[in-house]
Amino acid sequence: MPQDEAFATRREFDMLAQRVESMDRDGTRGVISVTERLTDTIKDIAELKLDMHSFKTATAAWFGEHAKQHDEDVRQRAIEREQDQKARIREREQDQRNRTNSRRWVIGIFIAVMAAVGGMYEFLNVILQHVHG
């Protein structure tokens, strides 16, 4: 800086003093705006945290309910499978009883036919002996 220039004129110094006083009195315009925005941002973040907490709670409750319903469905399907299996076993046993009864009837009818034919055989044998005689 050259030596012949003054550091600051009285008028410049007074302007600077007025500016400092206005900053003390009014604050700086930019800082107030930034402070307001920062306060709003903090409020938004707090609200977002609360929303996230509610979301996590709701999600955990939903997953808990879903898992409970899934377990109930699995249990119900196992019961249905067991009932179906028991029904099939009962049907198989009934079919087996029916087949056994059918065989008994067939055997009984066969024995009755053999007895009838055996009785007739003797009768026919007697008749043939008299005829051929």
N, C-alpha and C. Protein backbone atom coordinates (compact mmCIF):
# COMPACT_ATOMS: atom_id res chain seq x y z
N MET A 1 0.83 -1.15 0.00
CA MET A 1 0.00 0.00 0.00
C MET A 1 0.90 1.24 0.00
N PRO A 2 0.59 2.18 -0.88
CA PRO A 2 1.46 3.36 -0.94
C PRO A 2 1.33 4.21 0.32
N GLN A 3 2.39 4.92 0.64
CA GLN A 3 2.46 5.71 1.85
C GLN A 3 1.61 6.97 1.79
N ASP A 4 1.38 7.49 0.64
CA ASP A 4 0.65 8.75 0.56
C ASP A 4 -0.85 8.58 0.73
N GLU A 5 -1.43 7.36 0.66
CA GLU A 5 -2.86 7.16 0.86
C GLU A 5 -3.15 7.03 2.35
N ALA A 6 -4.29 7.54 2.74
CA ALA A 6 -4.70 7.41 4.13
C ALA A 6 -5.30 6.02 4.31
N PHE A 7 -5.20 5.54 5.52
CA PHE A 7 -5.73 4.19 5.76
C PHE A 7 -7.23 4.17 5.57
N ALA A 8 -7.97 5.07 6.15
CA ALA A 8 -9.41 5.17 5.96
C ALA A 8 -9.81 6.59 6.26
N THR A 9 -10.72 7.09 5.49
CA THR A 9 -11.18 8.44 5.75
C THR A 9 -12.16 8.39 6.90
N ARG A 10 -12.41 9.52 7.47
CA ARG A 10 -13.34 9.60 8.59
C ARG A 10 -14.73 9.18 8.13
N ARG A 11 -15.09 9.57 6.95
CA ARG A 11 -16.40 9.22 6.42
C ARG A 11 -16.52 7.71 6.25
N GLU A 12 -15.54 7.03 5.71
CA GLU A 12 -15.57 5.57 5.55
C GLU A 12 -15.63 4.88 6.92
N PHE A 13 -14.90 5.45 7.87
CA PHE A 13 -14.91 4.87 9.21
C PHE A 13 -16.30 4.99 9.83
N ASP A 14 -16.96 6.13 9.65
CA ASP A 14 -18.30 6.33 10.19
C ASP A 14 -19.31 5.37 9.52
N MET A 15 -19.15 5.18 8.20
CA MET A 15 -20.04 4.24 7.51
C MET A 15 -19.86 2.82 8.06
N LEU A 16 -18.65 2.46 8.30
CA LEU A 16 -18.37 1.13 8.84
C LEU A 16 -18.95 1.00 10.25
N ALA A 17 -18.83 2.06 11.05
CA ALA A 17 -19.39 2.04 12.41
C ALA A 17 -20.91 1.92 12.36
N GLN A 18 -21.55 2.65 11.43
CA GLN A 18 -23.01 2.55 11.29
C GLN A 18 -23.44 1.13 10.88
N ARG A 19 -22.68 0.55 10.03
CA ARG A 19 -23.00 -0.81 9.57
C ARG A 19 -22.89 -1.81 10.72
N VAL A 20 -21.86 -1.67 11.53
CA VAL A 20 -21.69 -2.57 12.68
C VAL A 20 -22.84 -2.36 13.66
N GLU A 21 -23.21 -1.09 13.88
CA GLU A 21 -24.33 -0.83 14.78
C GLU A 21 -25.63 -1.41 14.24
N SER A 22 -25.87 -1.30 12.95
CA SER A 22 -27.10 -1.87 12.37
C SER A 22 -27.09 -3.39 12.47
N MET A 23 -25.91 -3.99 12.34
CA MET A 23 -25.83 -5.44 12.50
C MET A 23 -26.12 -5.83 13.94
N ASP A 24 -25.62 -5.02 14.90
CA ASP A 24 -25.90 -5.31 16.30
C ASP A 24 -27.38 -5.15 16.59
N ARG A 25 -27.97 -4.13 16.03
CA ARG A 25 -29.37 -3.83 16.28
C ARG A 25 -30.29 -4.78 15.50
N ASP A 26 -30.10 -4.95 14.20
CA ASP A 26 -30.99 -5.73 13.34
C ASP A 26 -30.50 -7.15 13.09
N GLY A 27 -29.28 -7.39 13.35
CA GLY A 27 -28.69 -8.68 12.99
C GLY A 27 -28.38 -8.67 11.50
N THR A 28 -27.70 -9.68 11.07
CA THR A 28 -27.42 -9.74 9.65
C THR A 28 -28.57 -10.44 8.96
N ARG A 29 -28.93 -9.92 7.84
CA ARG A 29 -30.10 -10.46 7.14
C ARG A 29 -29.89 -11.92 6.73
N GLY A 30 -28.76 -12.27 6.36
CA GLY A 30 -28.49 -13.64 5.90
C GLY A 30 -28.52 -14.64 7.05
N VAL A 31 -28.01 -14.25 8.20
CA VAL A 31 -27.95 -15.17 9.33
C VAL A 31 -29.35 -15.50 9.82
N ILE A 32 -30.24 -14.52 9.85
CA ILE A 32 -31.61 -14.78 10.30
C ILE A 32 -32.29 -15.75 9.34
N SER A 33 -32.12 -15.54 8.07
CA SER A 33 -32.73 -16.42 7.08
C SER A 33 -32.17 -17.84 7.21
N VAL A 34 -30.86 -17.94 7.36
CA VAL A 34 -30.23 -19.26 7.51
C VAL A 34 -30.71 -19.91 8.80
N THR A 35 -30.82 -19.12 9.87
CA THR A 35 -31.29 -19.66 11.15
C THR A 35 -32.71 -20.19 11.02
N GLU A 36 -33.58 -19.45 10.35
CA GLU A 36 -34.96 -19.90 10.15
C GLU A 36 -35.01 -21.19 9.33
N ARG A 37 -34.22 -21.22 8.28
CA ARG A 37 -34.20 -22.43 7.44
C ARG A 37 -33.64 -23.62 8.21
N LEU A 38 -32.61 -23.38 8.98
CA LEU A 38 -32.01 -24.45 9.77
C LEU A 38 -33.01 -24.97 10.81
N THR A 39 -33.75 -24.07 11.44
CA THR A 39 -34.77 -24.47 12.41
C THR A 39 -35.86 -25.30 11.73
N ASP A 40 -36.31 -24.85 10.57
CA ASP A 40 -37.32 -25.62 9.82
C ASP A 40 -36.79 -26.99 9.43
N THR A 41 -35.53 -27.03 9.01
CA THR A 41 -34.92 -28.31 8.63
C THR A 41 -34.86 -29.25 9.82
N ILE A 42 -34.49 -28.73 10.98
CA ILE A 42 -34.44 -29.56 12.19
C ILE A 42 -35.83 -30.09 12.52
N LYS A 43 -36.84 -29.25 12.38
CA LYS A 43 -38.21 -29.69 12.64
C LYS A 43 -38.61 -30.80 11.65
N ASP A 44 -38.25 -30.60 10.38
CA ASP A 44 -38.58 -31.60 9.37
C ASP A 44 -37.88 -32.93 9.67
N ILE A 45 -36.63 -32.86 10.09
CA ILE A 45 -35.88 -34.08 10.41
C ILE A 45 -36.52 -34.79 11.60
N ALA A 46 -36.92 -34.03 12.61
CA ALA A 46 -37.58 -34.62 13.77
C ALA A 46 -38.89 -35.29 13.36
N GLU A 47 -39.64 -34.63 12.49
CA GLU A 47 -40.90 -35.19 12.01
C GLU A 47 -40.64 -36.46 11.19
N LEU A 48 -39.59 -36.41 10.37
CA LEU A 48 -39.23 -37.58 9.57
C LEU A 48 -38.83 -38.74 10.47
N LYS A 49 -38.08 -38.46 11.53
CA LYS A 49 -37.71 -39.52 12.46
C LYS A 49 -38.94 -40.13 13.10
N LEU A 50 -39.89 -39.29 13.47
CA LEU A 50 -41.12 -39.78 14.06
C LEU A 50 -41.90 -40.63 13.05
N ASP A 51 -41.95 -40.17 11.80
CA ASP A 51 -42.62 -40.94 10.75
C ASP A 51 -41.93 -42.28 10.53
N MET A 52 -40.60 -42.27 10.54
CA MET A 52 -39.84 -43.51 10.34
C MET A 52 -40.10 -44.47 11.50
N HIS A 53 -40.17 -43.93 12.71
CA HIS A 53 -40.45 -44.78 13.87
C HIS A 53 -41.85 -45.39 13.73
N SER A 54 -42.82 -44.59 13.33
CA SER A 54 -44.17 -45.10 13.13
C SER A 54 -44.18 -46.16 12.02
N PHE A 55 -43.44 -45.90 10.95
CA PHE A 55 -43.36 -46.84 9.84
C PHE A 55 -42.74 -48.16 10.30
N LYS A 56 -41.64 -48.06 11.06
CA LYS A 56 -40.99 -49.27 11.55
C LYS A 56 -41.91 -50.05 12.47
N THR A 57 -42.63 -49.35 13.33
CA THR A 57 -43.56 -50.01 14.24
C THR A 57 -44.67 -50.69 13.46
N ALA A 58 -45.24 -49.98 12.50
CA ALA A 58 -46.32 -50.54 11.69
C ALA A 58 -45.81 -51.73 10.87
N THR A 59 -44.63 -51.61 10.31
CA THR A 59 -44.06 -52.69 9.51
C THR A 59 -43.79 -53.91 10.37
N ALA A 60 -43.23 -53.69 11.55
CA ALA A 60 -42.97 -54.82 12.45
C ALA A 60 -44.28 -55.49 12.85
N ALA A 61 -45.30 -54.70 13.11
CA ALA A 61 -46.61 -55.28 13.46
C ALA A 61 -47.17 -56.07 12.28
N TRP A 62 -47.04 -55.53 11.07
CA TRP A 62 -47.55 -56.22 9.89
C TRP A 62 -46.82 -57.54 9.69
N PHE A 63 -45.47 -57.51 9.81
CA PHE A 63 -44.71 -58.74 9.63
C PHE A 63 -45.05 -59.75 10.72
N GLY A 64 -45.27 -59.28 11.94
CA GLY A 64 -45.67 -60.18 13.01
C GLY A 64 -47.00 -60.84 12.71
N GLU A 65 -47.95 -60.05 12.27
CA GLU A 65 -49.27 -60.58 11.91
C GLU A 65 -49.17 -61.52 10.72
N HIS A 66 -48.33 -61.17 9.75
CA HIS A 66 -48.15 -62.01 8.57
C HIS A 66 -47.55 -63.36 8.97
N ALA A 67 -46.53 -63.33 9.83
CA ALA A 67 -45.91 -64.58 10.27
C ALA A 67 -46.91 -65.43 11.05
N LYS A 68 -47.72 -64.79 11.89
CA LYS A 68 -48.73 -65.51 12.65
C LYS A 68 -49.75 -66.16 11.71
N GLN A 69 -50.20 -65.40 10.71
CA GLN A 69 -51.16 -65.93 9.74
C GLN A 69 -50.53 -67.08 8.94
N HIS A 70 -49.26 -66.91 8.56
CA HIS A 70 -48.56 -67.95 7.81
C HIS A 70 -48.47 -69.23 8.65
N ASP A 71 -48.10 -69.09 9.91
CA ASP A 71 -48.02 -70.26 10.78
C ASP A 71 -49.37 -70.93 10.93
N GLU A 72 -50.43 -70.13 11.05
CA GLU A 72 -51.78 -70.67 11.16
C GLU A 72 -52.17 -71.41 9.87
N ASP A 73 -51.81 -70.83 8.72
CA ASP A 73 -52.10 -71.49 7.44
C ASP A 73 -51.37 -72.82 7.32
N VAL A 74 -50.10 -72.83 7.72
CA VAL A 74 -49.31 -74.06 7.65
C VAL A 74 -49.93 -75.12 8.56
N ARG A 75 -50.31 -74.70 9.77
CA ARG A 75 -50.92 -75.64 10.71
C ARG A 75 -52.24 -76.17 10.14
N GLN A 76 -53.04 -75.28 9.56
CA GLN A 76 -54.33 -75.68 8.99
C GLN A 76 -54.12 -76.66 7.83
N ARG A 77 -53.12 -76.39 6.98
CA ARG A 77 -52.84 -77.30 5.86
C ARG A 77 -52.39 -78.66 6.36
N ALA A 78 -51.59 -78.67 7.44
CA ALA A 78 -51.14 -79.95 8.01
C ALA A 78 -52.34 -80.73 8.55
N ILE A 79 -53.28 -80.04 9.20
CA ILE A 79 -54.48 -80.71 9.71
C ILE A 79 -55.30 -81.26 8.54
N GLU A 80 -55.46 -80.46 7.49
CA GLU A 80 -56.23 -80.92 6.32
C GLU A 80 -55.56 -82.12 5.67
N ARG A 81 -54.21 -82.09 5.56
CA ARG A 81 -53.49 -83.23 4.97
C ARG A 81 -53.70 -84.48 5.81
N GLU A 82 -53.63 -84.31 7.12
CA GLU A 82 -53.83 -85.44 8.02
C GLU A 82 -55.25 -85.99 7.89
N GLN A 83 -56.23 -85.09 7.81
CA GLN A 83 -57.62 -85.54 7.64
C GLN A 83 -57.80 -86.25 6.30
N ASP A 84 -57.20 -85.71 5.24
CA ASP A 84 -57.29 -86.36 3.92
C ASP A 84 -56.66 -87.75 3.96
N GLN A 85 -55.51 -87.84 4.64
CA GLN A 85 -54.82 -89.12 4.72
C GLN A 85 -55.68 -90.14 5.49
N LYS A 86 -56.29 -89.68 6.60
CA LYS A 86 -57.16 -90.58 7.37
C LYS A 86 -58.36 -91.00 6.53
N ALA A 87 -58.92 -90.07 5.75
CA ALA A 87 -60.07 -90.40 4.89
C ALA A 87 -59.66 -91.43 3.85
N ARG A 88 -58.48 -91.27 3.26
CA ARG A 88 -58.00 -92.24 2.27
C ARG A 88 -57.79 -93.61 2.91
N ILE A 89 -57.27 -93.62 4.13
CA ILE A 89 -57.08 -94.89 4.83
C ILE A 89 -58.43 -95.55 5.10
N ARG A 90 -59.42 -94.76 5.55
CA ARG A 90 -60.76 -95.32 5.77
C ARG A 90 -61.35 -95.86 4.47
N GLU A 91 -61.17 -95.13 3.37
CA GLU A 91 -61.68 -95.59 2.07
C GLU A 91 -61.00 -96.90 1.67
N ARG A 92 -59.65 -96.97 1.87
CA ARG A 92 -58.93 -98.20 1.54
C ARG A 92 -59.42 -99.37 2.37
N GLU A 93 -59.63 -99.12 3.68
CA GLU A 93 -60.11 -100.18 4.55
C GLU A 93 -61.52 -100.63 4.13
N GLN A 94 -62.37 -99.65 3.77
CA GLN A 94 -63.73 -99.99 3.32
C GLN A 94 -63.67 -100.79 2.03
N ASP A 95 -62.81 -100.38 1.09
CA ASP A 95 -62.65 -101.14 -0.16
C ASP A 95 -62.18 -102.56 0.13
N GLN A 96 -61.23 -102.68 1.07
CA GLN A 96 -60.72 -104.01 1.41
C GLN A 96 -61.83 -104.87 2.03
N ARG A 97 -62.64 -104.28 2.91
CA ARG A 97 -63.76 -105.02 3.50
C ARG A 97 -64.75 -105.44 2.40
N ASN A 98 -65.03 -104.52 1.47
CA ASN A 98 -65.95 -104.84 0.36
C ASN A 98 -65.41 -105.99 -0.49
N ARG A 99 -64.10 -105.93 -0.79
CA ARG A 99 -63.50 -107.02 -1.59
C ARG A 99 -63.55 -108.34 -0.83
N THR A 100 -63.29 -108.29 0.48
CA THR A 100 -63.35 -109.52 1.29
C THR A 100 -64.76 -110.07 1.29
N ASN A 101 -65.76 -109.20 1.49
CA ASN A 101 -67.15 -109.66 1.46
C ASN A 101 -67.52 -110.23 0.10
N SER A 102 -67.03 -109.59 -0.96
CA SER A 102 -67.30 -110.10 -2.32
C SER A 102 -66.70 -111.48 -2.50
N ARG A 103 -65.49 -111.67 -2.05
CA ARG A 103 -64.85 -112.99 -2.17
C ARG A 103 -65.62 -114.05 -1.38
N ARG A 104 -66.07 -113.65 -0.20
CA ARG A 104 -66.86 -114.59 0.61
C ARG A 104 -68.12 -115.01 -0.14
N TRP A 105 -68.79 -114.05 -0.75
CA TRP A 105 -70.00 -114.36 -1.52
C TRP A 105 -69.66 -115.28 -2.68
N VAL A 106 -68.57 -114.97 -3.38
CA VAL A 106 -68.19 -115.81 -4.53
C VAL A 106 -67.87 -117.23 -4.06
N ILE A 107 -67.13 -117.33 -2.96
CA ILE A 107 -66.78 -118.66 -2.45
C ILE A 107 -68.05 -119.39 -1.99
N GLY A 108 -68.93 -118.64 -1.30
CA GLY A 108 -70.19 -119.27 -0.84
C GLY A 108 -71.04 -119.75 -2.01
N ILE A 109 -71.16 -118.94 -3.04
CA ILE A 109 -71.94 -119.32 -4.22
C ILE A 109 -71.29 -120.51 -4.91
N PHE A 110 -69.96 -120.52 -5.00
CA PHE A 110 -69.25 -121.63 -5.63
C PHE A 110 -69.51 -122.93 -4.86
N ILE A 111 -69.46 -122.84 -3.53
CA ILE A 111 -69.72 -124.05 -2.73
C ILE A 111 -71.17 -124.50 -2.92
N ALA A 112 -72.10 -123.53 -2.94
CA ALA A 112 -73.51 -123.89 -3.15
C ALA A 112 -73.71 -124.55 -4.51
N VAL A 113 -73.08 -124.00 -5.54
CA VAL A 113 -73.19 -124.58 -6.90
C VAL A 113 -72.58 -125.98 -6.91
N MET A 114 -71.43 -126.14 -6.26
CA MET A 114 -70.77 -127.45 -6.23
C MET A 114 -71.64 -128.47 -5.49
N ALA A 115 -72.27 -127.99 -4.41
CA ALA A 115 -73.14 -128.92 -3.65
C ALA A 115 -74.34 -129.30 -4.51
N ALA A 116 -74.89 -128.29 -5.22
CA ALA A 116 -76.03 -128.58 -6.07
C ALA A 116 -75.63 -129.52 -7.20
N VAL A 117 -74.50 -129.23 -7.82
CA VAL A 117 -74.03 -130.08 -8.92
C VAL A 117 -73.67 -131.47 -8.37
N GLY A 118 -73.07 -131.51 -7.18
CA GLY A 118 -72.72 -132.81 -6.57
C GLY A 118 -73.96 -133.63 -6.29
N GLY A 119 -74.99 -132.98 -5.77
CA GLY A 119 -76.25 -133.68 -5.51
C GLY A 119 -76.89 -134.13 -6.81
N MET A 120 -76.83 -133.31 -7.82
CA MET A 120 -77.39 -133.67 -9.11
C MET A 120 -76.55 -134.76 -9.76
N TYR A 121 -75.26 -134.76 -9.51
CA TYR A 121 -74.39 -135.78 -10.09
C TYR A 121 -74.82 -137.17 -9.62
N GLU A 122 -75.06 -137.24 -8.32
CA GLU A 122 -75.53 -138.52 -7.79
C GLU A 122 -76.87 -138.91 -8.42
N PHE A 123 -77.76 -137.92 -8.54
CA PHE A 123 -79.07 -138.18 -9.13
C PHE A 123 -78.92 -138.61 -10.59
N LEU A 124 -78.08 -137.90 -11.34
CA LEU A 124 -77.86 -138.26 -12.74
C LEU A 124 -77.18 -139.63 -12.87
N ASN A 125 -76.28 -139.93 -11.96
CA ASN A 125 -75.57 -141.20 -11.98
C ASN A 125 -76.57 -142.35 -11.78
N VAL A 126 -77.50 -142.15 -10.86
CA VAL A 126 -78.52 -143.18 -10.61
C VAL A 126 -79.40 -143.34 -11.85
N ILE A 127 -79.79 -142.21 -12.45
CA ILE A 127 -80.64 -142.28 -13.64
C ILE A 127 -79.91 -142.96 -14.77
N LEU A 128 -78.65 -142.63 -15.00
CA LEU A 128 -77.90 -143.23 -16.10
C LEU A 128 -77.67 -144.73 -15.87
N GLN A 129 -77.49 -145.14 -14.66
CA GLN A 129 -77.31 -146.56 -14.38
C GLN A 129 -78.62 -147.36 -14.67
N HIS A 130 -79.75 -146.73 -14.38
CA HIS A 130 -81.02 -147.39 -14.67
C HIS A 130 -81.30 -147.44 -16.16
N VAL A 131 -80.87 -146.39 -16.89
CA VAL A 131 -81.13 -146.34 -18.30
C VAL A 131 -80.19 -147.30 -19.04
N HIS A 132 -78.95 -147.39 -18.66
CA HIS A 132 -77.99 -148.20 -19.38
C HIS A 132 -77.92 -149.60 -18.75
N GLY A 133 -78.51 -149.73 -17.79
CA GLY A 133 -78.58 -150.84 -17.10
C GLY A 133 -78.33 -152.10 -16.74
